[in-house]
Amino acid sequence: MRVLIKICTFGQNYSLSQYTIKKYEPQFYSIWNQFIADSKNGTFLFHRDFMEYHSDRFEDFSLLVFDDKDNLVAVLPANRVDDTIYSHQGLTYGGVVFSNKLEIFHVEQIMNSIVFFFKIEKIHEIILKNQPTLYLIAGNYGLDYVLFQYFNSELLKREMNFMIDYSKKMIISKSKLKHFKRISKLGLKVVEESNMSFFWDKVLIPCLESKHNVKPVHSLEEIQKLKSKFPSNIIQYSVYLNEEILAGITLFKNKNGVKSQYGASTEIGQKYRALDYLFITLIQKFNNQEFAFFDMGTATEKNELGYNPGLVKQKIELGCAIFNQDTIQIKL
């Protein structure tokens, strides 16, 4: 049985049932960040310092949801483009982050509150790019069900996200392991670096320009600034041979797992299979540190297949399985 909910509005805050919606303002900086840190599925990408490094490119429209005791129970990292809300176009993933003690009827009421708020703001569409399923160790509190059952959400896009689930037996292909053992005898040196410029300038930028005619999403200045704010979350590993850099991987480390954000190799590094060597080294390293997963991202590409077959093959051979990363649409 559905319950009739009384609605009232006041100022910039909107109240629906026992929940009050507030648009993010700088005064909420500390409470927002603490909420993300305490939540089971929040990641450092939702920290305001990360979200705001490119604030000049997006109109922030993030929301906070408070209960009738003024406790923060949910947040939505988001930006607005005309009459559409995205969660969040400047982030790899988004969605609603809930507190750890909610039941499904709370989730329904919270989403009713958010939707009502957006209707008042003359929003006609919400686009949510959810986290890959392995990030949701505590589940998503029935959000998918609520959005489908009560808000007629539709699947807008589904991508293959390649991840190693450390709770399962890890299966790296025999050919990859064979080359790894051979390369291990060549004297390659894996280094954790504080300076990102060696990898960015000598490996990543030239590789992306020559292969794809694109630049990294983050400039060197941006990634260095982010690393200074999140030194334990953004980690650079590089491979050297005789003091020459051959390949590198930039990791985004969260409390539940690690994600390969950037990975590239020089032409000489490709000859030595240095990138595979580094991937296997790091996959084994973080498996021994009790993380839940190693995320190698998507292989999405604009072609007939919708993905890059070579990247898919590489990720599968390195031990990845496929997990859905869905983008859903809610029309208001």
Protein backbone atom coordinates (compact mmCIF):
# COMPACT_ATOMS: atom_id res chain seq x y z
CA MET A 1 0.00 0.00 0.00
CA ARG A 2 1.35 3.43 -0.98
CA VAL A 3 1.33 6.23 1.59
CA LEU A 4 0.09 9.73 0.72
CA ILE A 5 2.97 12.14 1.30
CA LYS A 6 2.45 15.76 2.24
CA ILE A 7 4.61 18.25 0.39
CA CYS A 8 5.85 21.67 1.43
CA THR A 9 8.51 24.05 0.12
CA PHE A 10 10.52 26.82 1.69
CA GLY A 11 13.37 28.94 0.34
CA GLN A 12 16.00 26.86 -1.42
CA ASN A 13 15.09 23.79 0.63
CA TYR A 14 12.35 21.33 -0.34
CA SER A 15 10.72 18.98 2.15
CA LEU A 16 8.91 15.77 1.22
CA SER A 17 7.64 13.62 4.08
CA GLN A 18 10.44 13.50 6.70
CA TYR A 19 13.19 14.34 4.20
CA THR A 20 14.60 17.75 3.30
CA ILE A 21 16.60 18.36 0.14
CA LYS A 22 19.32 21.01 0.04
CA LYS A 23 21.45 22.02 -2.90
CA TYR A 24 25.16 21.81 -2.16
CA GLU A 25 26.82 25.00 -0.97
CA PRO A 26 30.36 25.53 0.40
CA GLN A 27 29.01 25.55 3.96
CA PHE A 28 28.32 21.81 3.54
CA TYR A 29 31.93 21.01 2.55
CA SER A 30 32.88 19.21 5.78
CA ILE A 31 29.63 17.33 6.35
CA TRP A 32 29.58 16.17 2.71
CA ASN A 33 33.14 14.85 2.82
CA GLN A 34 32.64 13.12 6.17
CA PHE A 35 29.51 11.44 4.87
CA ILE A 36 31.41 10.13 1.83
CA ALA A 37 34.23 8.86 4.06
CA ASP A 38 31.80 7.02 6.37
CA SER A 39 29.65 5.45 3.64
CA LYS A 40 30.46 1.94 2.46
CA ASN A 41 30.31 2.74 -1.25
CA GLY A 42 31.48 6.34 -1.39
CA THR A 43 34.86 6.87 -3.06
CA PHE A 44 37.33 9.73 -3.03
CA LEU A 45 36.02 10.80 -6.45
CA PHE A 46 32.99 12.14 -4.54
CA HIS A 47 35.14 14.27 -2.22
CA ARG A 48 34.45 17.91 -2.95
CA ASP A 49 38.13 18.62 -3.64
CA PHE A 50 38.08 16.06 -6.44
CA MET A 51 34.70 17.12 -7.83
CA GLU A 52 35.66 20.78 -7.92
CA TYR A 53 39.04 20.61 -9.66
CA HIS A 54 37.11 21.13 -12.93
CA SER A 55 34.28 23.24 -11.50
CA ASP A 56 34.73 25.77 -14.31
CA ARG A 57 33.49 23.15 -16.81
CA PHE A 58 30.31 22.10 -15.02
CA GLU A 59 27.37 23.73 -13.29
CA ASP A 60 27.35 21.83 -10.01
CA PHE A 61 23.91 20.70 -8.90
CA SER A 62 24.75 18.26 -6.13
CA LEU A 63 22.13 17.50 -3.49
CA LEU A 64 22.10 16.59 0.20
CA VAL A 65 19.16 14.74 1.79
CA PHE A 66 18.45 15.24 5.50
CA ASP A 67 15.96 13.33 7.64
CA ASP A 68 13.56 14.86 10.17
CA LYS A 69 16.32 14.86 12.81
CA ASP A 70 18.62 16.80 10.48
CA ASN A 71 20.85 13.78 9.88
CA LEU A 72 22.44 13.55 6.44
CA VAL A 73 21.19 10.28 4.91
CA ALA A 74 22.04 10.58 1.20
CA VAL A 75 23.95 12.71 -1.30
CA LEU A 76 23.82 12.99 -5.08
CA PRO A 77 26.98 14.26 -6.83
CA ALA A 78 25.54 15.96 -9.92
CA ASN A 79 25.78 18.69 -12.51
CA ARG A 80 23.13 20.42 -14.60
CA VAL A 81 22.96 21.05 -18.34
CA ASP A 82 19.83 22.99 -19.32
CA ASP A 83 16.90 20.87 -18.06
CA THR A 84 18.94 17.68 -17.52
CA ILE A 85 20.73 16.47 -14.38
CA TYR A 86 23.78 14.22 -14.73
CA SER A 87 25.51 12.30 -11.98
CA HIS A 88 28.26 13.59 -12.60
CA GLN A 89 29.74 14.22 -16.08
CA GLY A 90 33.13 15.02 -14.61
CA LEU A 91 33.36 11.66 -12.81
CA THR A 92 33.90 8.10 -14.00
CA TYR A 93 30.74 7.04 -12.18
CA GLY A 94 28.09 8.57 -9.96
CA GLY A 95 24.68 7.69 -8.57
CA VAL A 96 23.13 8.27 -5.17
CA VAL A 97 25.26 7.56 -2.09
CA PHE A 98 23.22 6.43 0.92
CA SER A 99 24.01 6.15 4.61
CA ASN A 100 24.67 2.67 5.92
CA LYS A 101 21.39 2.16 7.80
CA LEU A 102 18.52 2.46 5.34
CA GLU A 103 15.73 0.14 4.29
CA ILE A 104 14.15 0.03 0.85
CA PHE A 105 11.11 2.14 1.81
CA HIS A 106 13.55 4.87 2.92
CA VAL A 107 15.21 4.71 -0.48
CA GLU A 108 11.84 5.10 -2.20
CA GLN A 109 10.94 8.13 -0.07
CA ILE A 110 14.36 9.69 -0.61
CA MET A 111 14.05 9.29 -4.37
CA ASN A 112 10.53 10.76 -4.22
CA SER A 113 12.03 13.76 -2.45
CA ILE A 114 14.82 14.15 -5.01
CA VAL A 115 12.45 13.83 -7.95
CA PHE A 116 10.06 16.38 -6.42
CA PHE A 117 12.97 18.78 -5.90
CA PHE A 118 14.00 18.46 -9.54
CA LYS A 119 10.44 19.01 -10.76
CA ILE A 120 10.29 22.24 -8.77
CA GLU A 121 13.58 23.21 -10.45
CA LYS A 122 12.02 22.44 -13.87
CA ILE A 123 14.30 19.50 -14.56
CA HIS A 124 12.88 17.13 -17.18
CA GLU A 125 15.45 14.33 -17.15
CA ILE A 126 17.93 12.64 -14.79
CA ILE A 127 20.89 10.64 -16.13
CA LEU A 128 22.59 8.37 -13.57
CA LYS A 129 25.84 6.61 -14.42
CA ASN A 130 26.07 3.98 -11.73
CA GLN A 131 29.16 2.45 -10.20
CA PRO A 132 30.20 -0.97 -11.52
CA THR A 133 28.57 -3.70 -9.46
CA LEU A 134 31.73 -4.76 -7.60
CA TYR A 135 31.97 -1.28 -6.05
CA LEU A 136 28.62 -1.90 -4.37
CA ILE A 137 29.88 -4.27 -1.71
CA ALA A 138 27.01 -3.33 0.58
CA GLY A 139 24.54 -3.39 -2.31
CA ASN A 140 22.73 -0.33 -3.59
CA TYR A 141 19.92 -0.53 -1.03
CA GLY A 142 17.33 -1.46 -3.67
CA LEU A 143 17.89 1.69 -5.73
CA ASP A 144 17.71 -0.13 -9.08
CA TYR A 145 14.41 -1.74 -8.08
CA VAL A 146 12.93 1.53 -6.81
CA LEU A 147 13.92 3.45 -9.95
CA PHE A 148 12.49 0.77 -12.24
CA GLN A 149 9.33 0.06 -10.25
CA TYR A 150 8.25 3.57 -9.30
CA PHE A 151 10.04 5.97 -11.63
CA ASN A 152 9.97 4.11 -14.96
CA SER A 153 13.73 4.31 -15.38
CA GLU A 154 15.17 3.08 -18.66
CA LEU A 155 18.56 1.62 -19.52
CA LEU A 156 20.24 4.29 -21.62
CA LYS A 157 23.67 2.69 -21.98
CA ARG A 158 25.43 -0.47 -20.82
CA GLU A 159 29.20 -0.76 -20.88
CA MET A 160 31.48 -3.69 -20.14
CA ASN A 161 33.67 -2.89 -17.15
CA PHE A 162 36.62 -5.26 -16.72
CA MET A 163 37.47 -6.12 -13.14
CA ILE A 164 39.29 -8.77 -11.15
CA ASP A 165 37.20 -10.02 -8.25
CA TYR A 166 39.76 -10.91 -5.59
CA SER A 167 37.25 -13.14 -3.79
CA LYS A 168 37.43 -15.54 -6.75
CA LYS A 169 40.34 -17.60 -7.97
CA MET A 170 42.51 -15.38 -10.16
CA ILE A 171 43.08 -16.74 -13.67
CA ILE A 172 45.77 -14.97 -15.68
CA SER A 173 46.41 -16.58 -19.08
CA LYS A 174 49.32 -18.98 -19.40
CA SER A 175 50.87 -16.89 -22.19
CA LYS A 176 50.80 -13.74 -20.03
CA LEU A 177 52.40 -15.57 -17.11
CA LYS A 178 55.01 -17.13 -19.40
CA HIS A 179 56.07 -13.72 -20.70
CA PHE A 180 55.95 -12.31 -17.15
CA LYS A 181 58.43 -14.93 -15.92
CA ARG A 182 60.70 -14.28 -18.90
CA ILE A 183 60.59 -10.50 -18.46
CA SER A 184 61.26 -10.83 -14.72
CA LYS A 185 64.81 -11.94 -15.60
CA LEU A 186 65.62 -8.79 -17.61
CA GLY A 187 66.16 -6.51 -14.63
CA LEU A 188 63.11 -4.26 -15.02
CA LYS A 189 62.51 -2.05 -12.02
CA VAL A 190 59.03 -1.09 -10.75
CA VAL A 191 59.00 2.31 -9.03
CA GLU A 192 56.28 4.15 -7.12
CA GLU A 193 56.70 7.80 -8.09
CA SER A 194 55.55 11.05 -6.52
CA ASN A 195 56.31 13.02 -9.68
CA MET A 196 53.77 12.28 -12.42
CA SER A 197 55.62 14.22 -15.13
CA PHE A 198 57.93 11.39 -16.25
CA PHE A 199 54.99 9.17 -17.13
CA TRP A 200 52.76 11.98 -18.46
CA ASP A 201 55.34 13.66 -20.69
CA LYS A 202 57.43 10.72 -21.85
CA VAL A 203 54.84 7.94 -22.07
CA LEU A 204 51.15 8.76 -21.70
CA ILE A 205 50.79 11.91 -23.83
CA PRO A 206 52.94 10.62 -26.75
CA CYS A 207 51.16 7.23 -26.67
CA LEU A 208 47.64 8.70 -26.73
CA GLU A 209 48.55 11.18 -29.45
CA SER A 210 50.15 8.59 -31.74
CA LYS A 211 47.51 5.88 -31.27
CA HIS A 212 44.27 7.78 -30.79
CA ASN A 213 45.05 11.46 -31.49
CA VAL A 214 43.68 12.43 -28.06
CA LYS A 215 45.02 13.85 -24.82
CA PRO A 216 44.62 12.48 -21.27
CA VAL A 217 41.40 13.54 -19.54
CA HIS A 218 43.55 15.10 -16.83
CA SER A 219 46.34 17.48 -17.76
CA LEU A 220 49.65 17.05 -15.97
CA GLU A 221 48.91 20.13 -13.87
CA GLU A 222 45.49 18.75 -12.90
CA ILE A 223 46.70 15.26 -11.95
CA GLN A 224 49.61 16.69 -9.93
CA LYS A 225 47.20 18.97 -8.09
CA LEU A 226 44.81 16.09 -7.40
CA LYS A 227 47.67 13.88 -6.22
CA SER A 228 48.78 16.58 -3.79
CA LYS A 229 45.27 16.58 -2.30
CA PHE A 230 44.86 12.77 -2.37
CA PRO A 231 48.39 11.34 -1.98
CA SER A 232 47.20 7.98 -0.65
CA ASN A 233 44.52 7.59 -3.33
CA ILE A 234 46.33 8.57 -6.53
CA ILE A 235 49.44 6.46 -7.03
CA GLN A 236 51.85 6.33 -9.94
CA TYR A 237 53.82 3.17 -10.74
CA SER A 238 56.37 3.10 -13.54
CA VAL A 239 58.70 0.50 -15.04
CA TYR A 240 62.32 1.33 -15.84
CA LEU A 241 65.10 -0.49 -17.63
CA ASN A 242 68.58 1.00 -17.26
CA GLU A 243 67.05 4.28 -15.98
CA GLU A 244 64.76 4.57 -19.03
CA ILE A 245 61.02 4.62 -18.41
CA LEU A 246 59.18 1.96 -20.44
CA ALA A 247 55.60 2.01 -19.12
CA GLY A 248 53.42 3.29 -16.34
CA ILE A 249 50.05 2.89 -14.65
CA THR A 250 48.21 5.54 -12.66
CA LEU A 251 46.02 3.98 -9.98
CA PHE A 252 43.01 5.46 -8.22
CA LYS A 253 42.88 3.61 -4.89
CA ASN A 254 39.65 3.46 -2.87
CA LYS A 255 38.95 1.71 0.41
CA ASN A 256 37.45 -1.34 -1.35
CA GLY A 257 39.65 -1.65 -4.40
CA VAL A 258 41.95 -0.06 -6.97
CA LYS A 259 41.29 1.22 -10.47
CA SER A 260 43.74 1.53 -13.34
CA GLN A 261 42.97 5.07 -14.50
CA TYR A 262 45.79 5.38 -17.04
CA GLY A 263 48.13 2.81 -18.51
CA ALA A 264 50.58 3.28 -21.39
CA SER A 265 53.88 2.09 -22.78
CA THR A 266 56.65 3.47 -24.99
CA GLU A 267 57.59 1.72 -28.24
CA ILE A 268 60.56 0.12 -26.50
CA GLY A 269 58.30 -0.81 -23.61
CA GLN A 270 55.97 -2.60 -26.01
CA LYS A 271 58.91 -4.65 -27.23
CA TYR A 272 59.56 -5.79 -23.66
CA ARG A 273 55.84 -6.18 -22.80
CA ALA A 274 56.52 -3.79 -19.93
CA LEU A 275 52.88 -2.77 -19.45
CA ASP A 276 51.71 -6.36 -18.99
CA TYR A 277 54.62 -6.90 -16.62
CA LEU A 278 53.52 -3.91 -14.54
CA PHE A 279 49.85 -4.92 -14.57
CA ILE A 280 50.59 -8.41 -13.29
CA THR A 281 52.96 -7.04 -10.64
CA LEU A 282 50.28 -4.66 -9.35
CA ILE A 283 47.43 -7.18 -9.61
CA GLN A 284 49.41 -9.56 -7.41
CA LYS A 285 50.50 -6.78 -5.06
CA PHE A 286 46.98 -5.58 -4.26
CA ASN A 287 45.58 -9.09 -4.07
CA ASN A 288 47.88 -9.57 -1.10
CA GLN A 289 46.53 -6.42 0.60
CA GLU A 290 42.96 -7.68 1.00
CA PHE A 291 41.30 -5.37 -1.50
CA ALA A 292 38.03 -6.55 -3.01
CA PHE A 293 38.81 -5.83 -6.65
CA PHE A 294 41.19 -4.52 -9.29
CA ASP A 295 39.32 -2.39 -11.82
CA MET A 296 40.76 -2.10 -15.35
CA GLY A 297 37.95 0.06 -16.69
CA THR A 298 36.00 -0.24 -19.93
CA ALA A 299 37.00 -0.95 -23.51
CA THR A 300 34.28 1.20 -25.04
CA GLU A 301 34.96 2.52 -28.54
CA LYS A 302 32.95 4.17 -31.30
CA ASN A 303 32.90 1.38 -33.87
CA GLU A 304 30.48 -1.29 -35.10
CA LEU A 305 31.22 -3.53 -32.10
CA GLY A 306 31.04 -0.74 -29.56
CA TYR A 307 34.32 -1.87 -27.99
CA ASN A 308 38.02 -2.34 -28.74
CA PRO A 309 38.63 -6.08 -29.33
CA GLY A 310 42.36 -5.80 -28.59
CA LEU A 311 41.72 -4.16 -25.21
CA VAL A 312 39.06 -6.74 -24.36
CA LYS A 313 41.50 -9.56 -25.11
CA GLN A 314 44.24 -7.98 -23.03
CA LYS A 315 42.00 -7.40 -20.00
CA ILE A 316 40.50 -10.90 -20.11
CA GLU A 317 43.95 -12.49 -20.39
CA LEU A 318 45.08 -10.48 -17.38
CA GLY A 319 42.35 -12.13 -15.33
CA CYS A 320 39.41 -9.75 -15.64
CA ALA A 321 35.75 -10.69 -15.75
CA ILE A 322 33.02 -8.49 -17.20
CA PHE A 323 30.77 -6.45 -14.92
CA ASN A 324 28.03 -4.14 -16.11
CA GLN A 325 28.32 -0.40 -15.79
CA ASP A 326 24.89 1.01 -16.56
CA THR A 327 23.71 4.50 -17.36
CA ILE A 328 20.02 4.96 -16.69
CA GLN A 329 17.53 7.64 -17.66
CA ILE A 330 14.58 8.95 -15.63
CA LYS A 331 12.14 11.24 -17.40
CA LEU A 332 10.21 13.58 -15.11
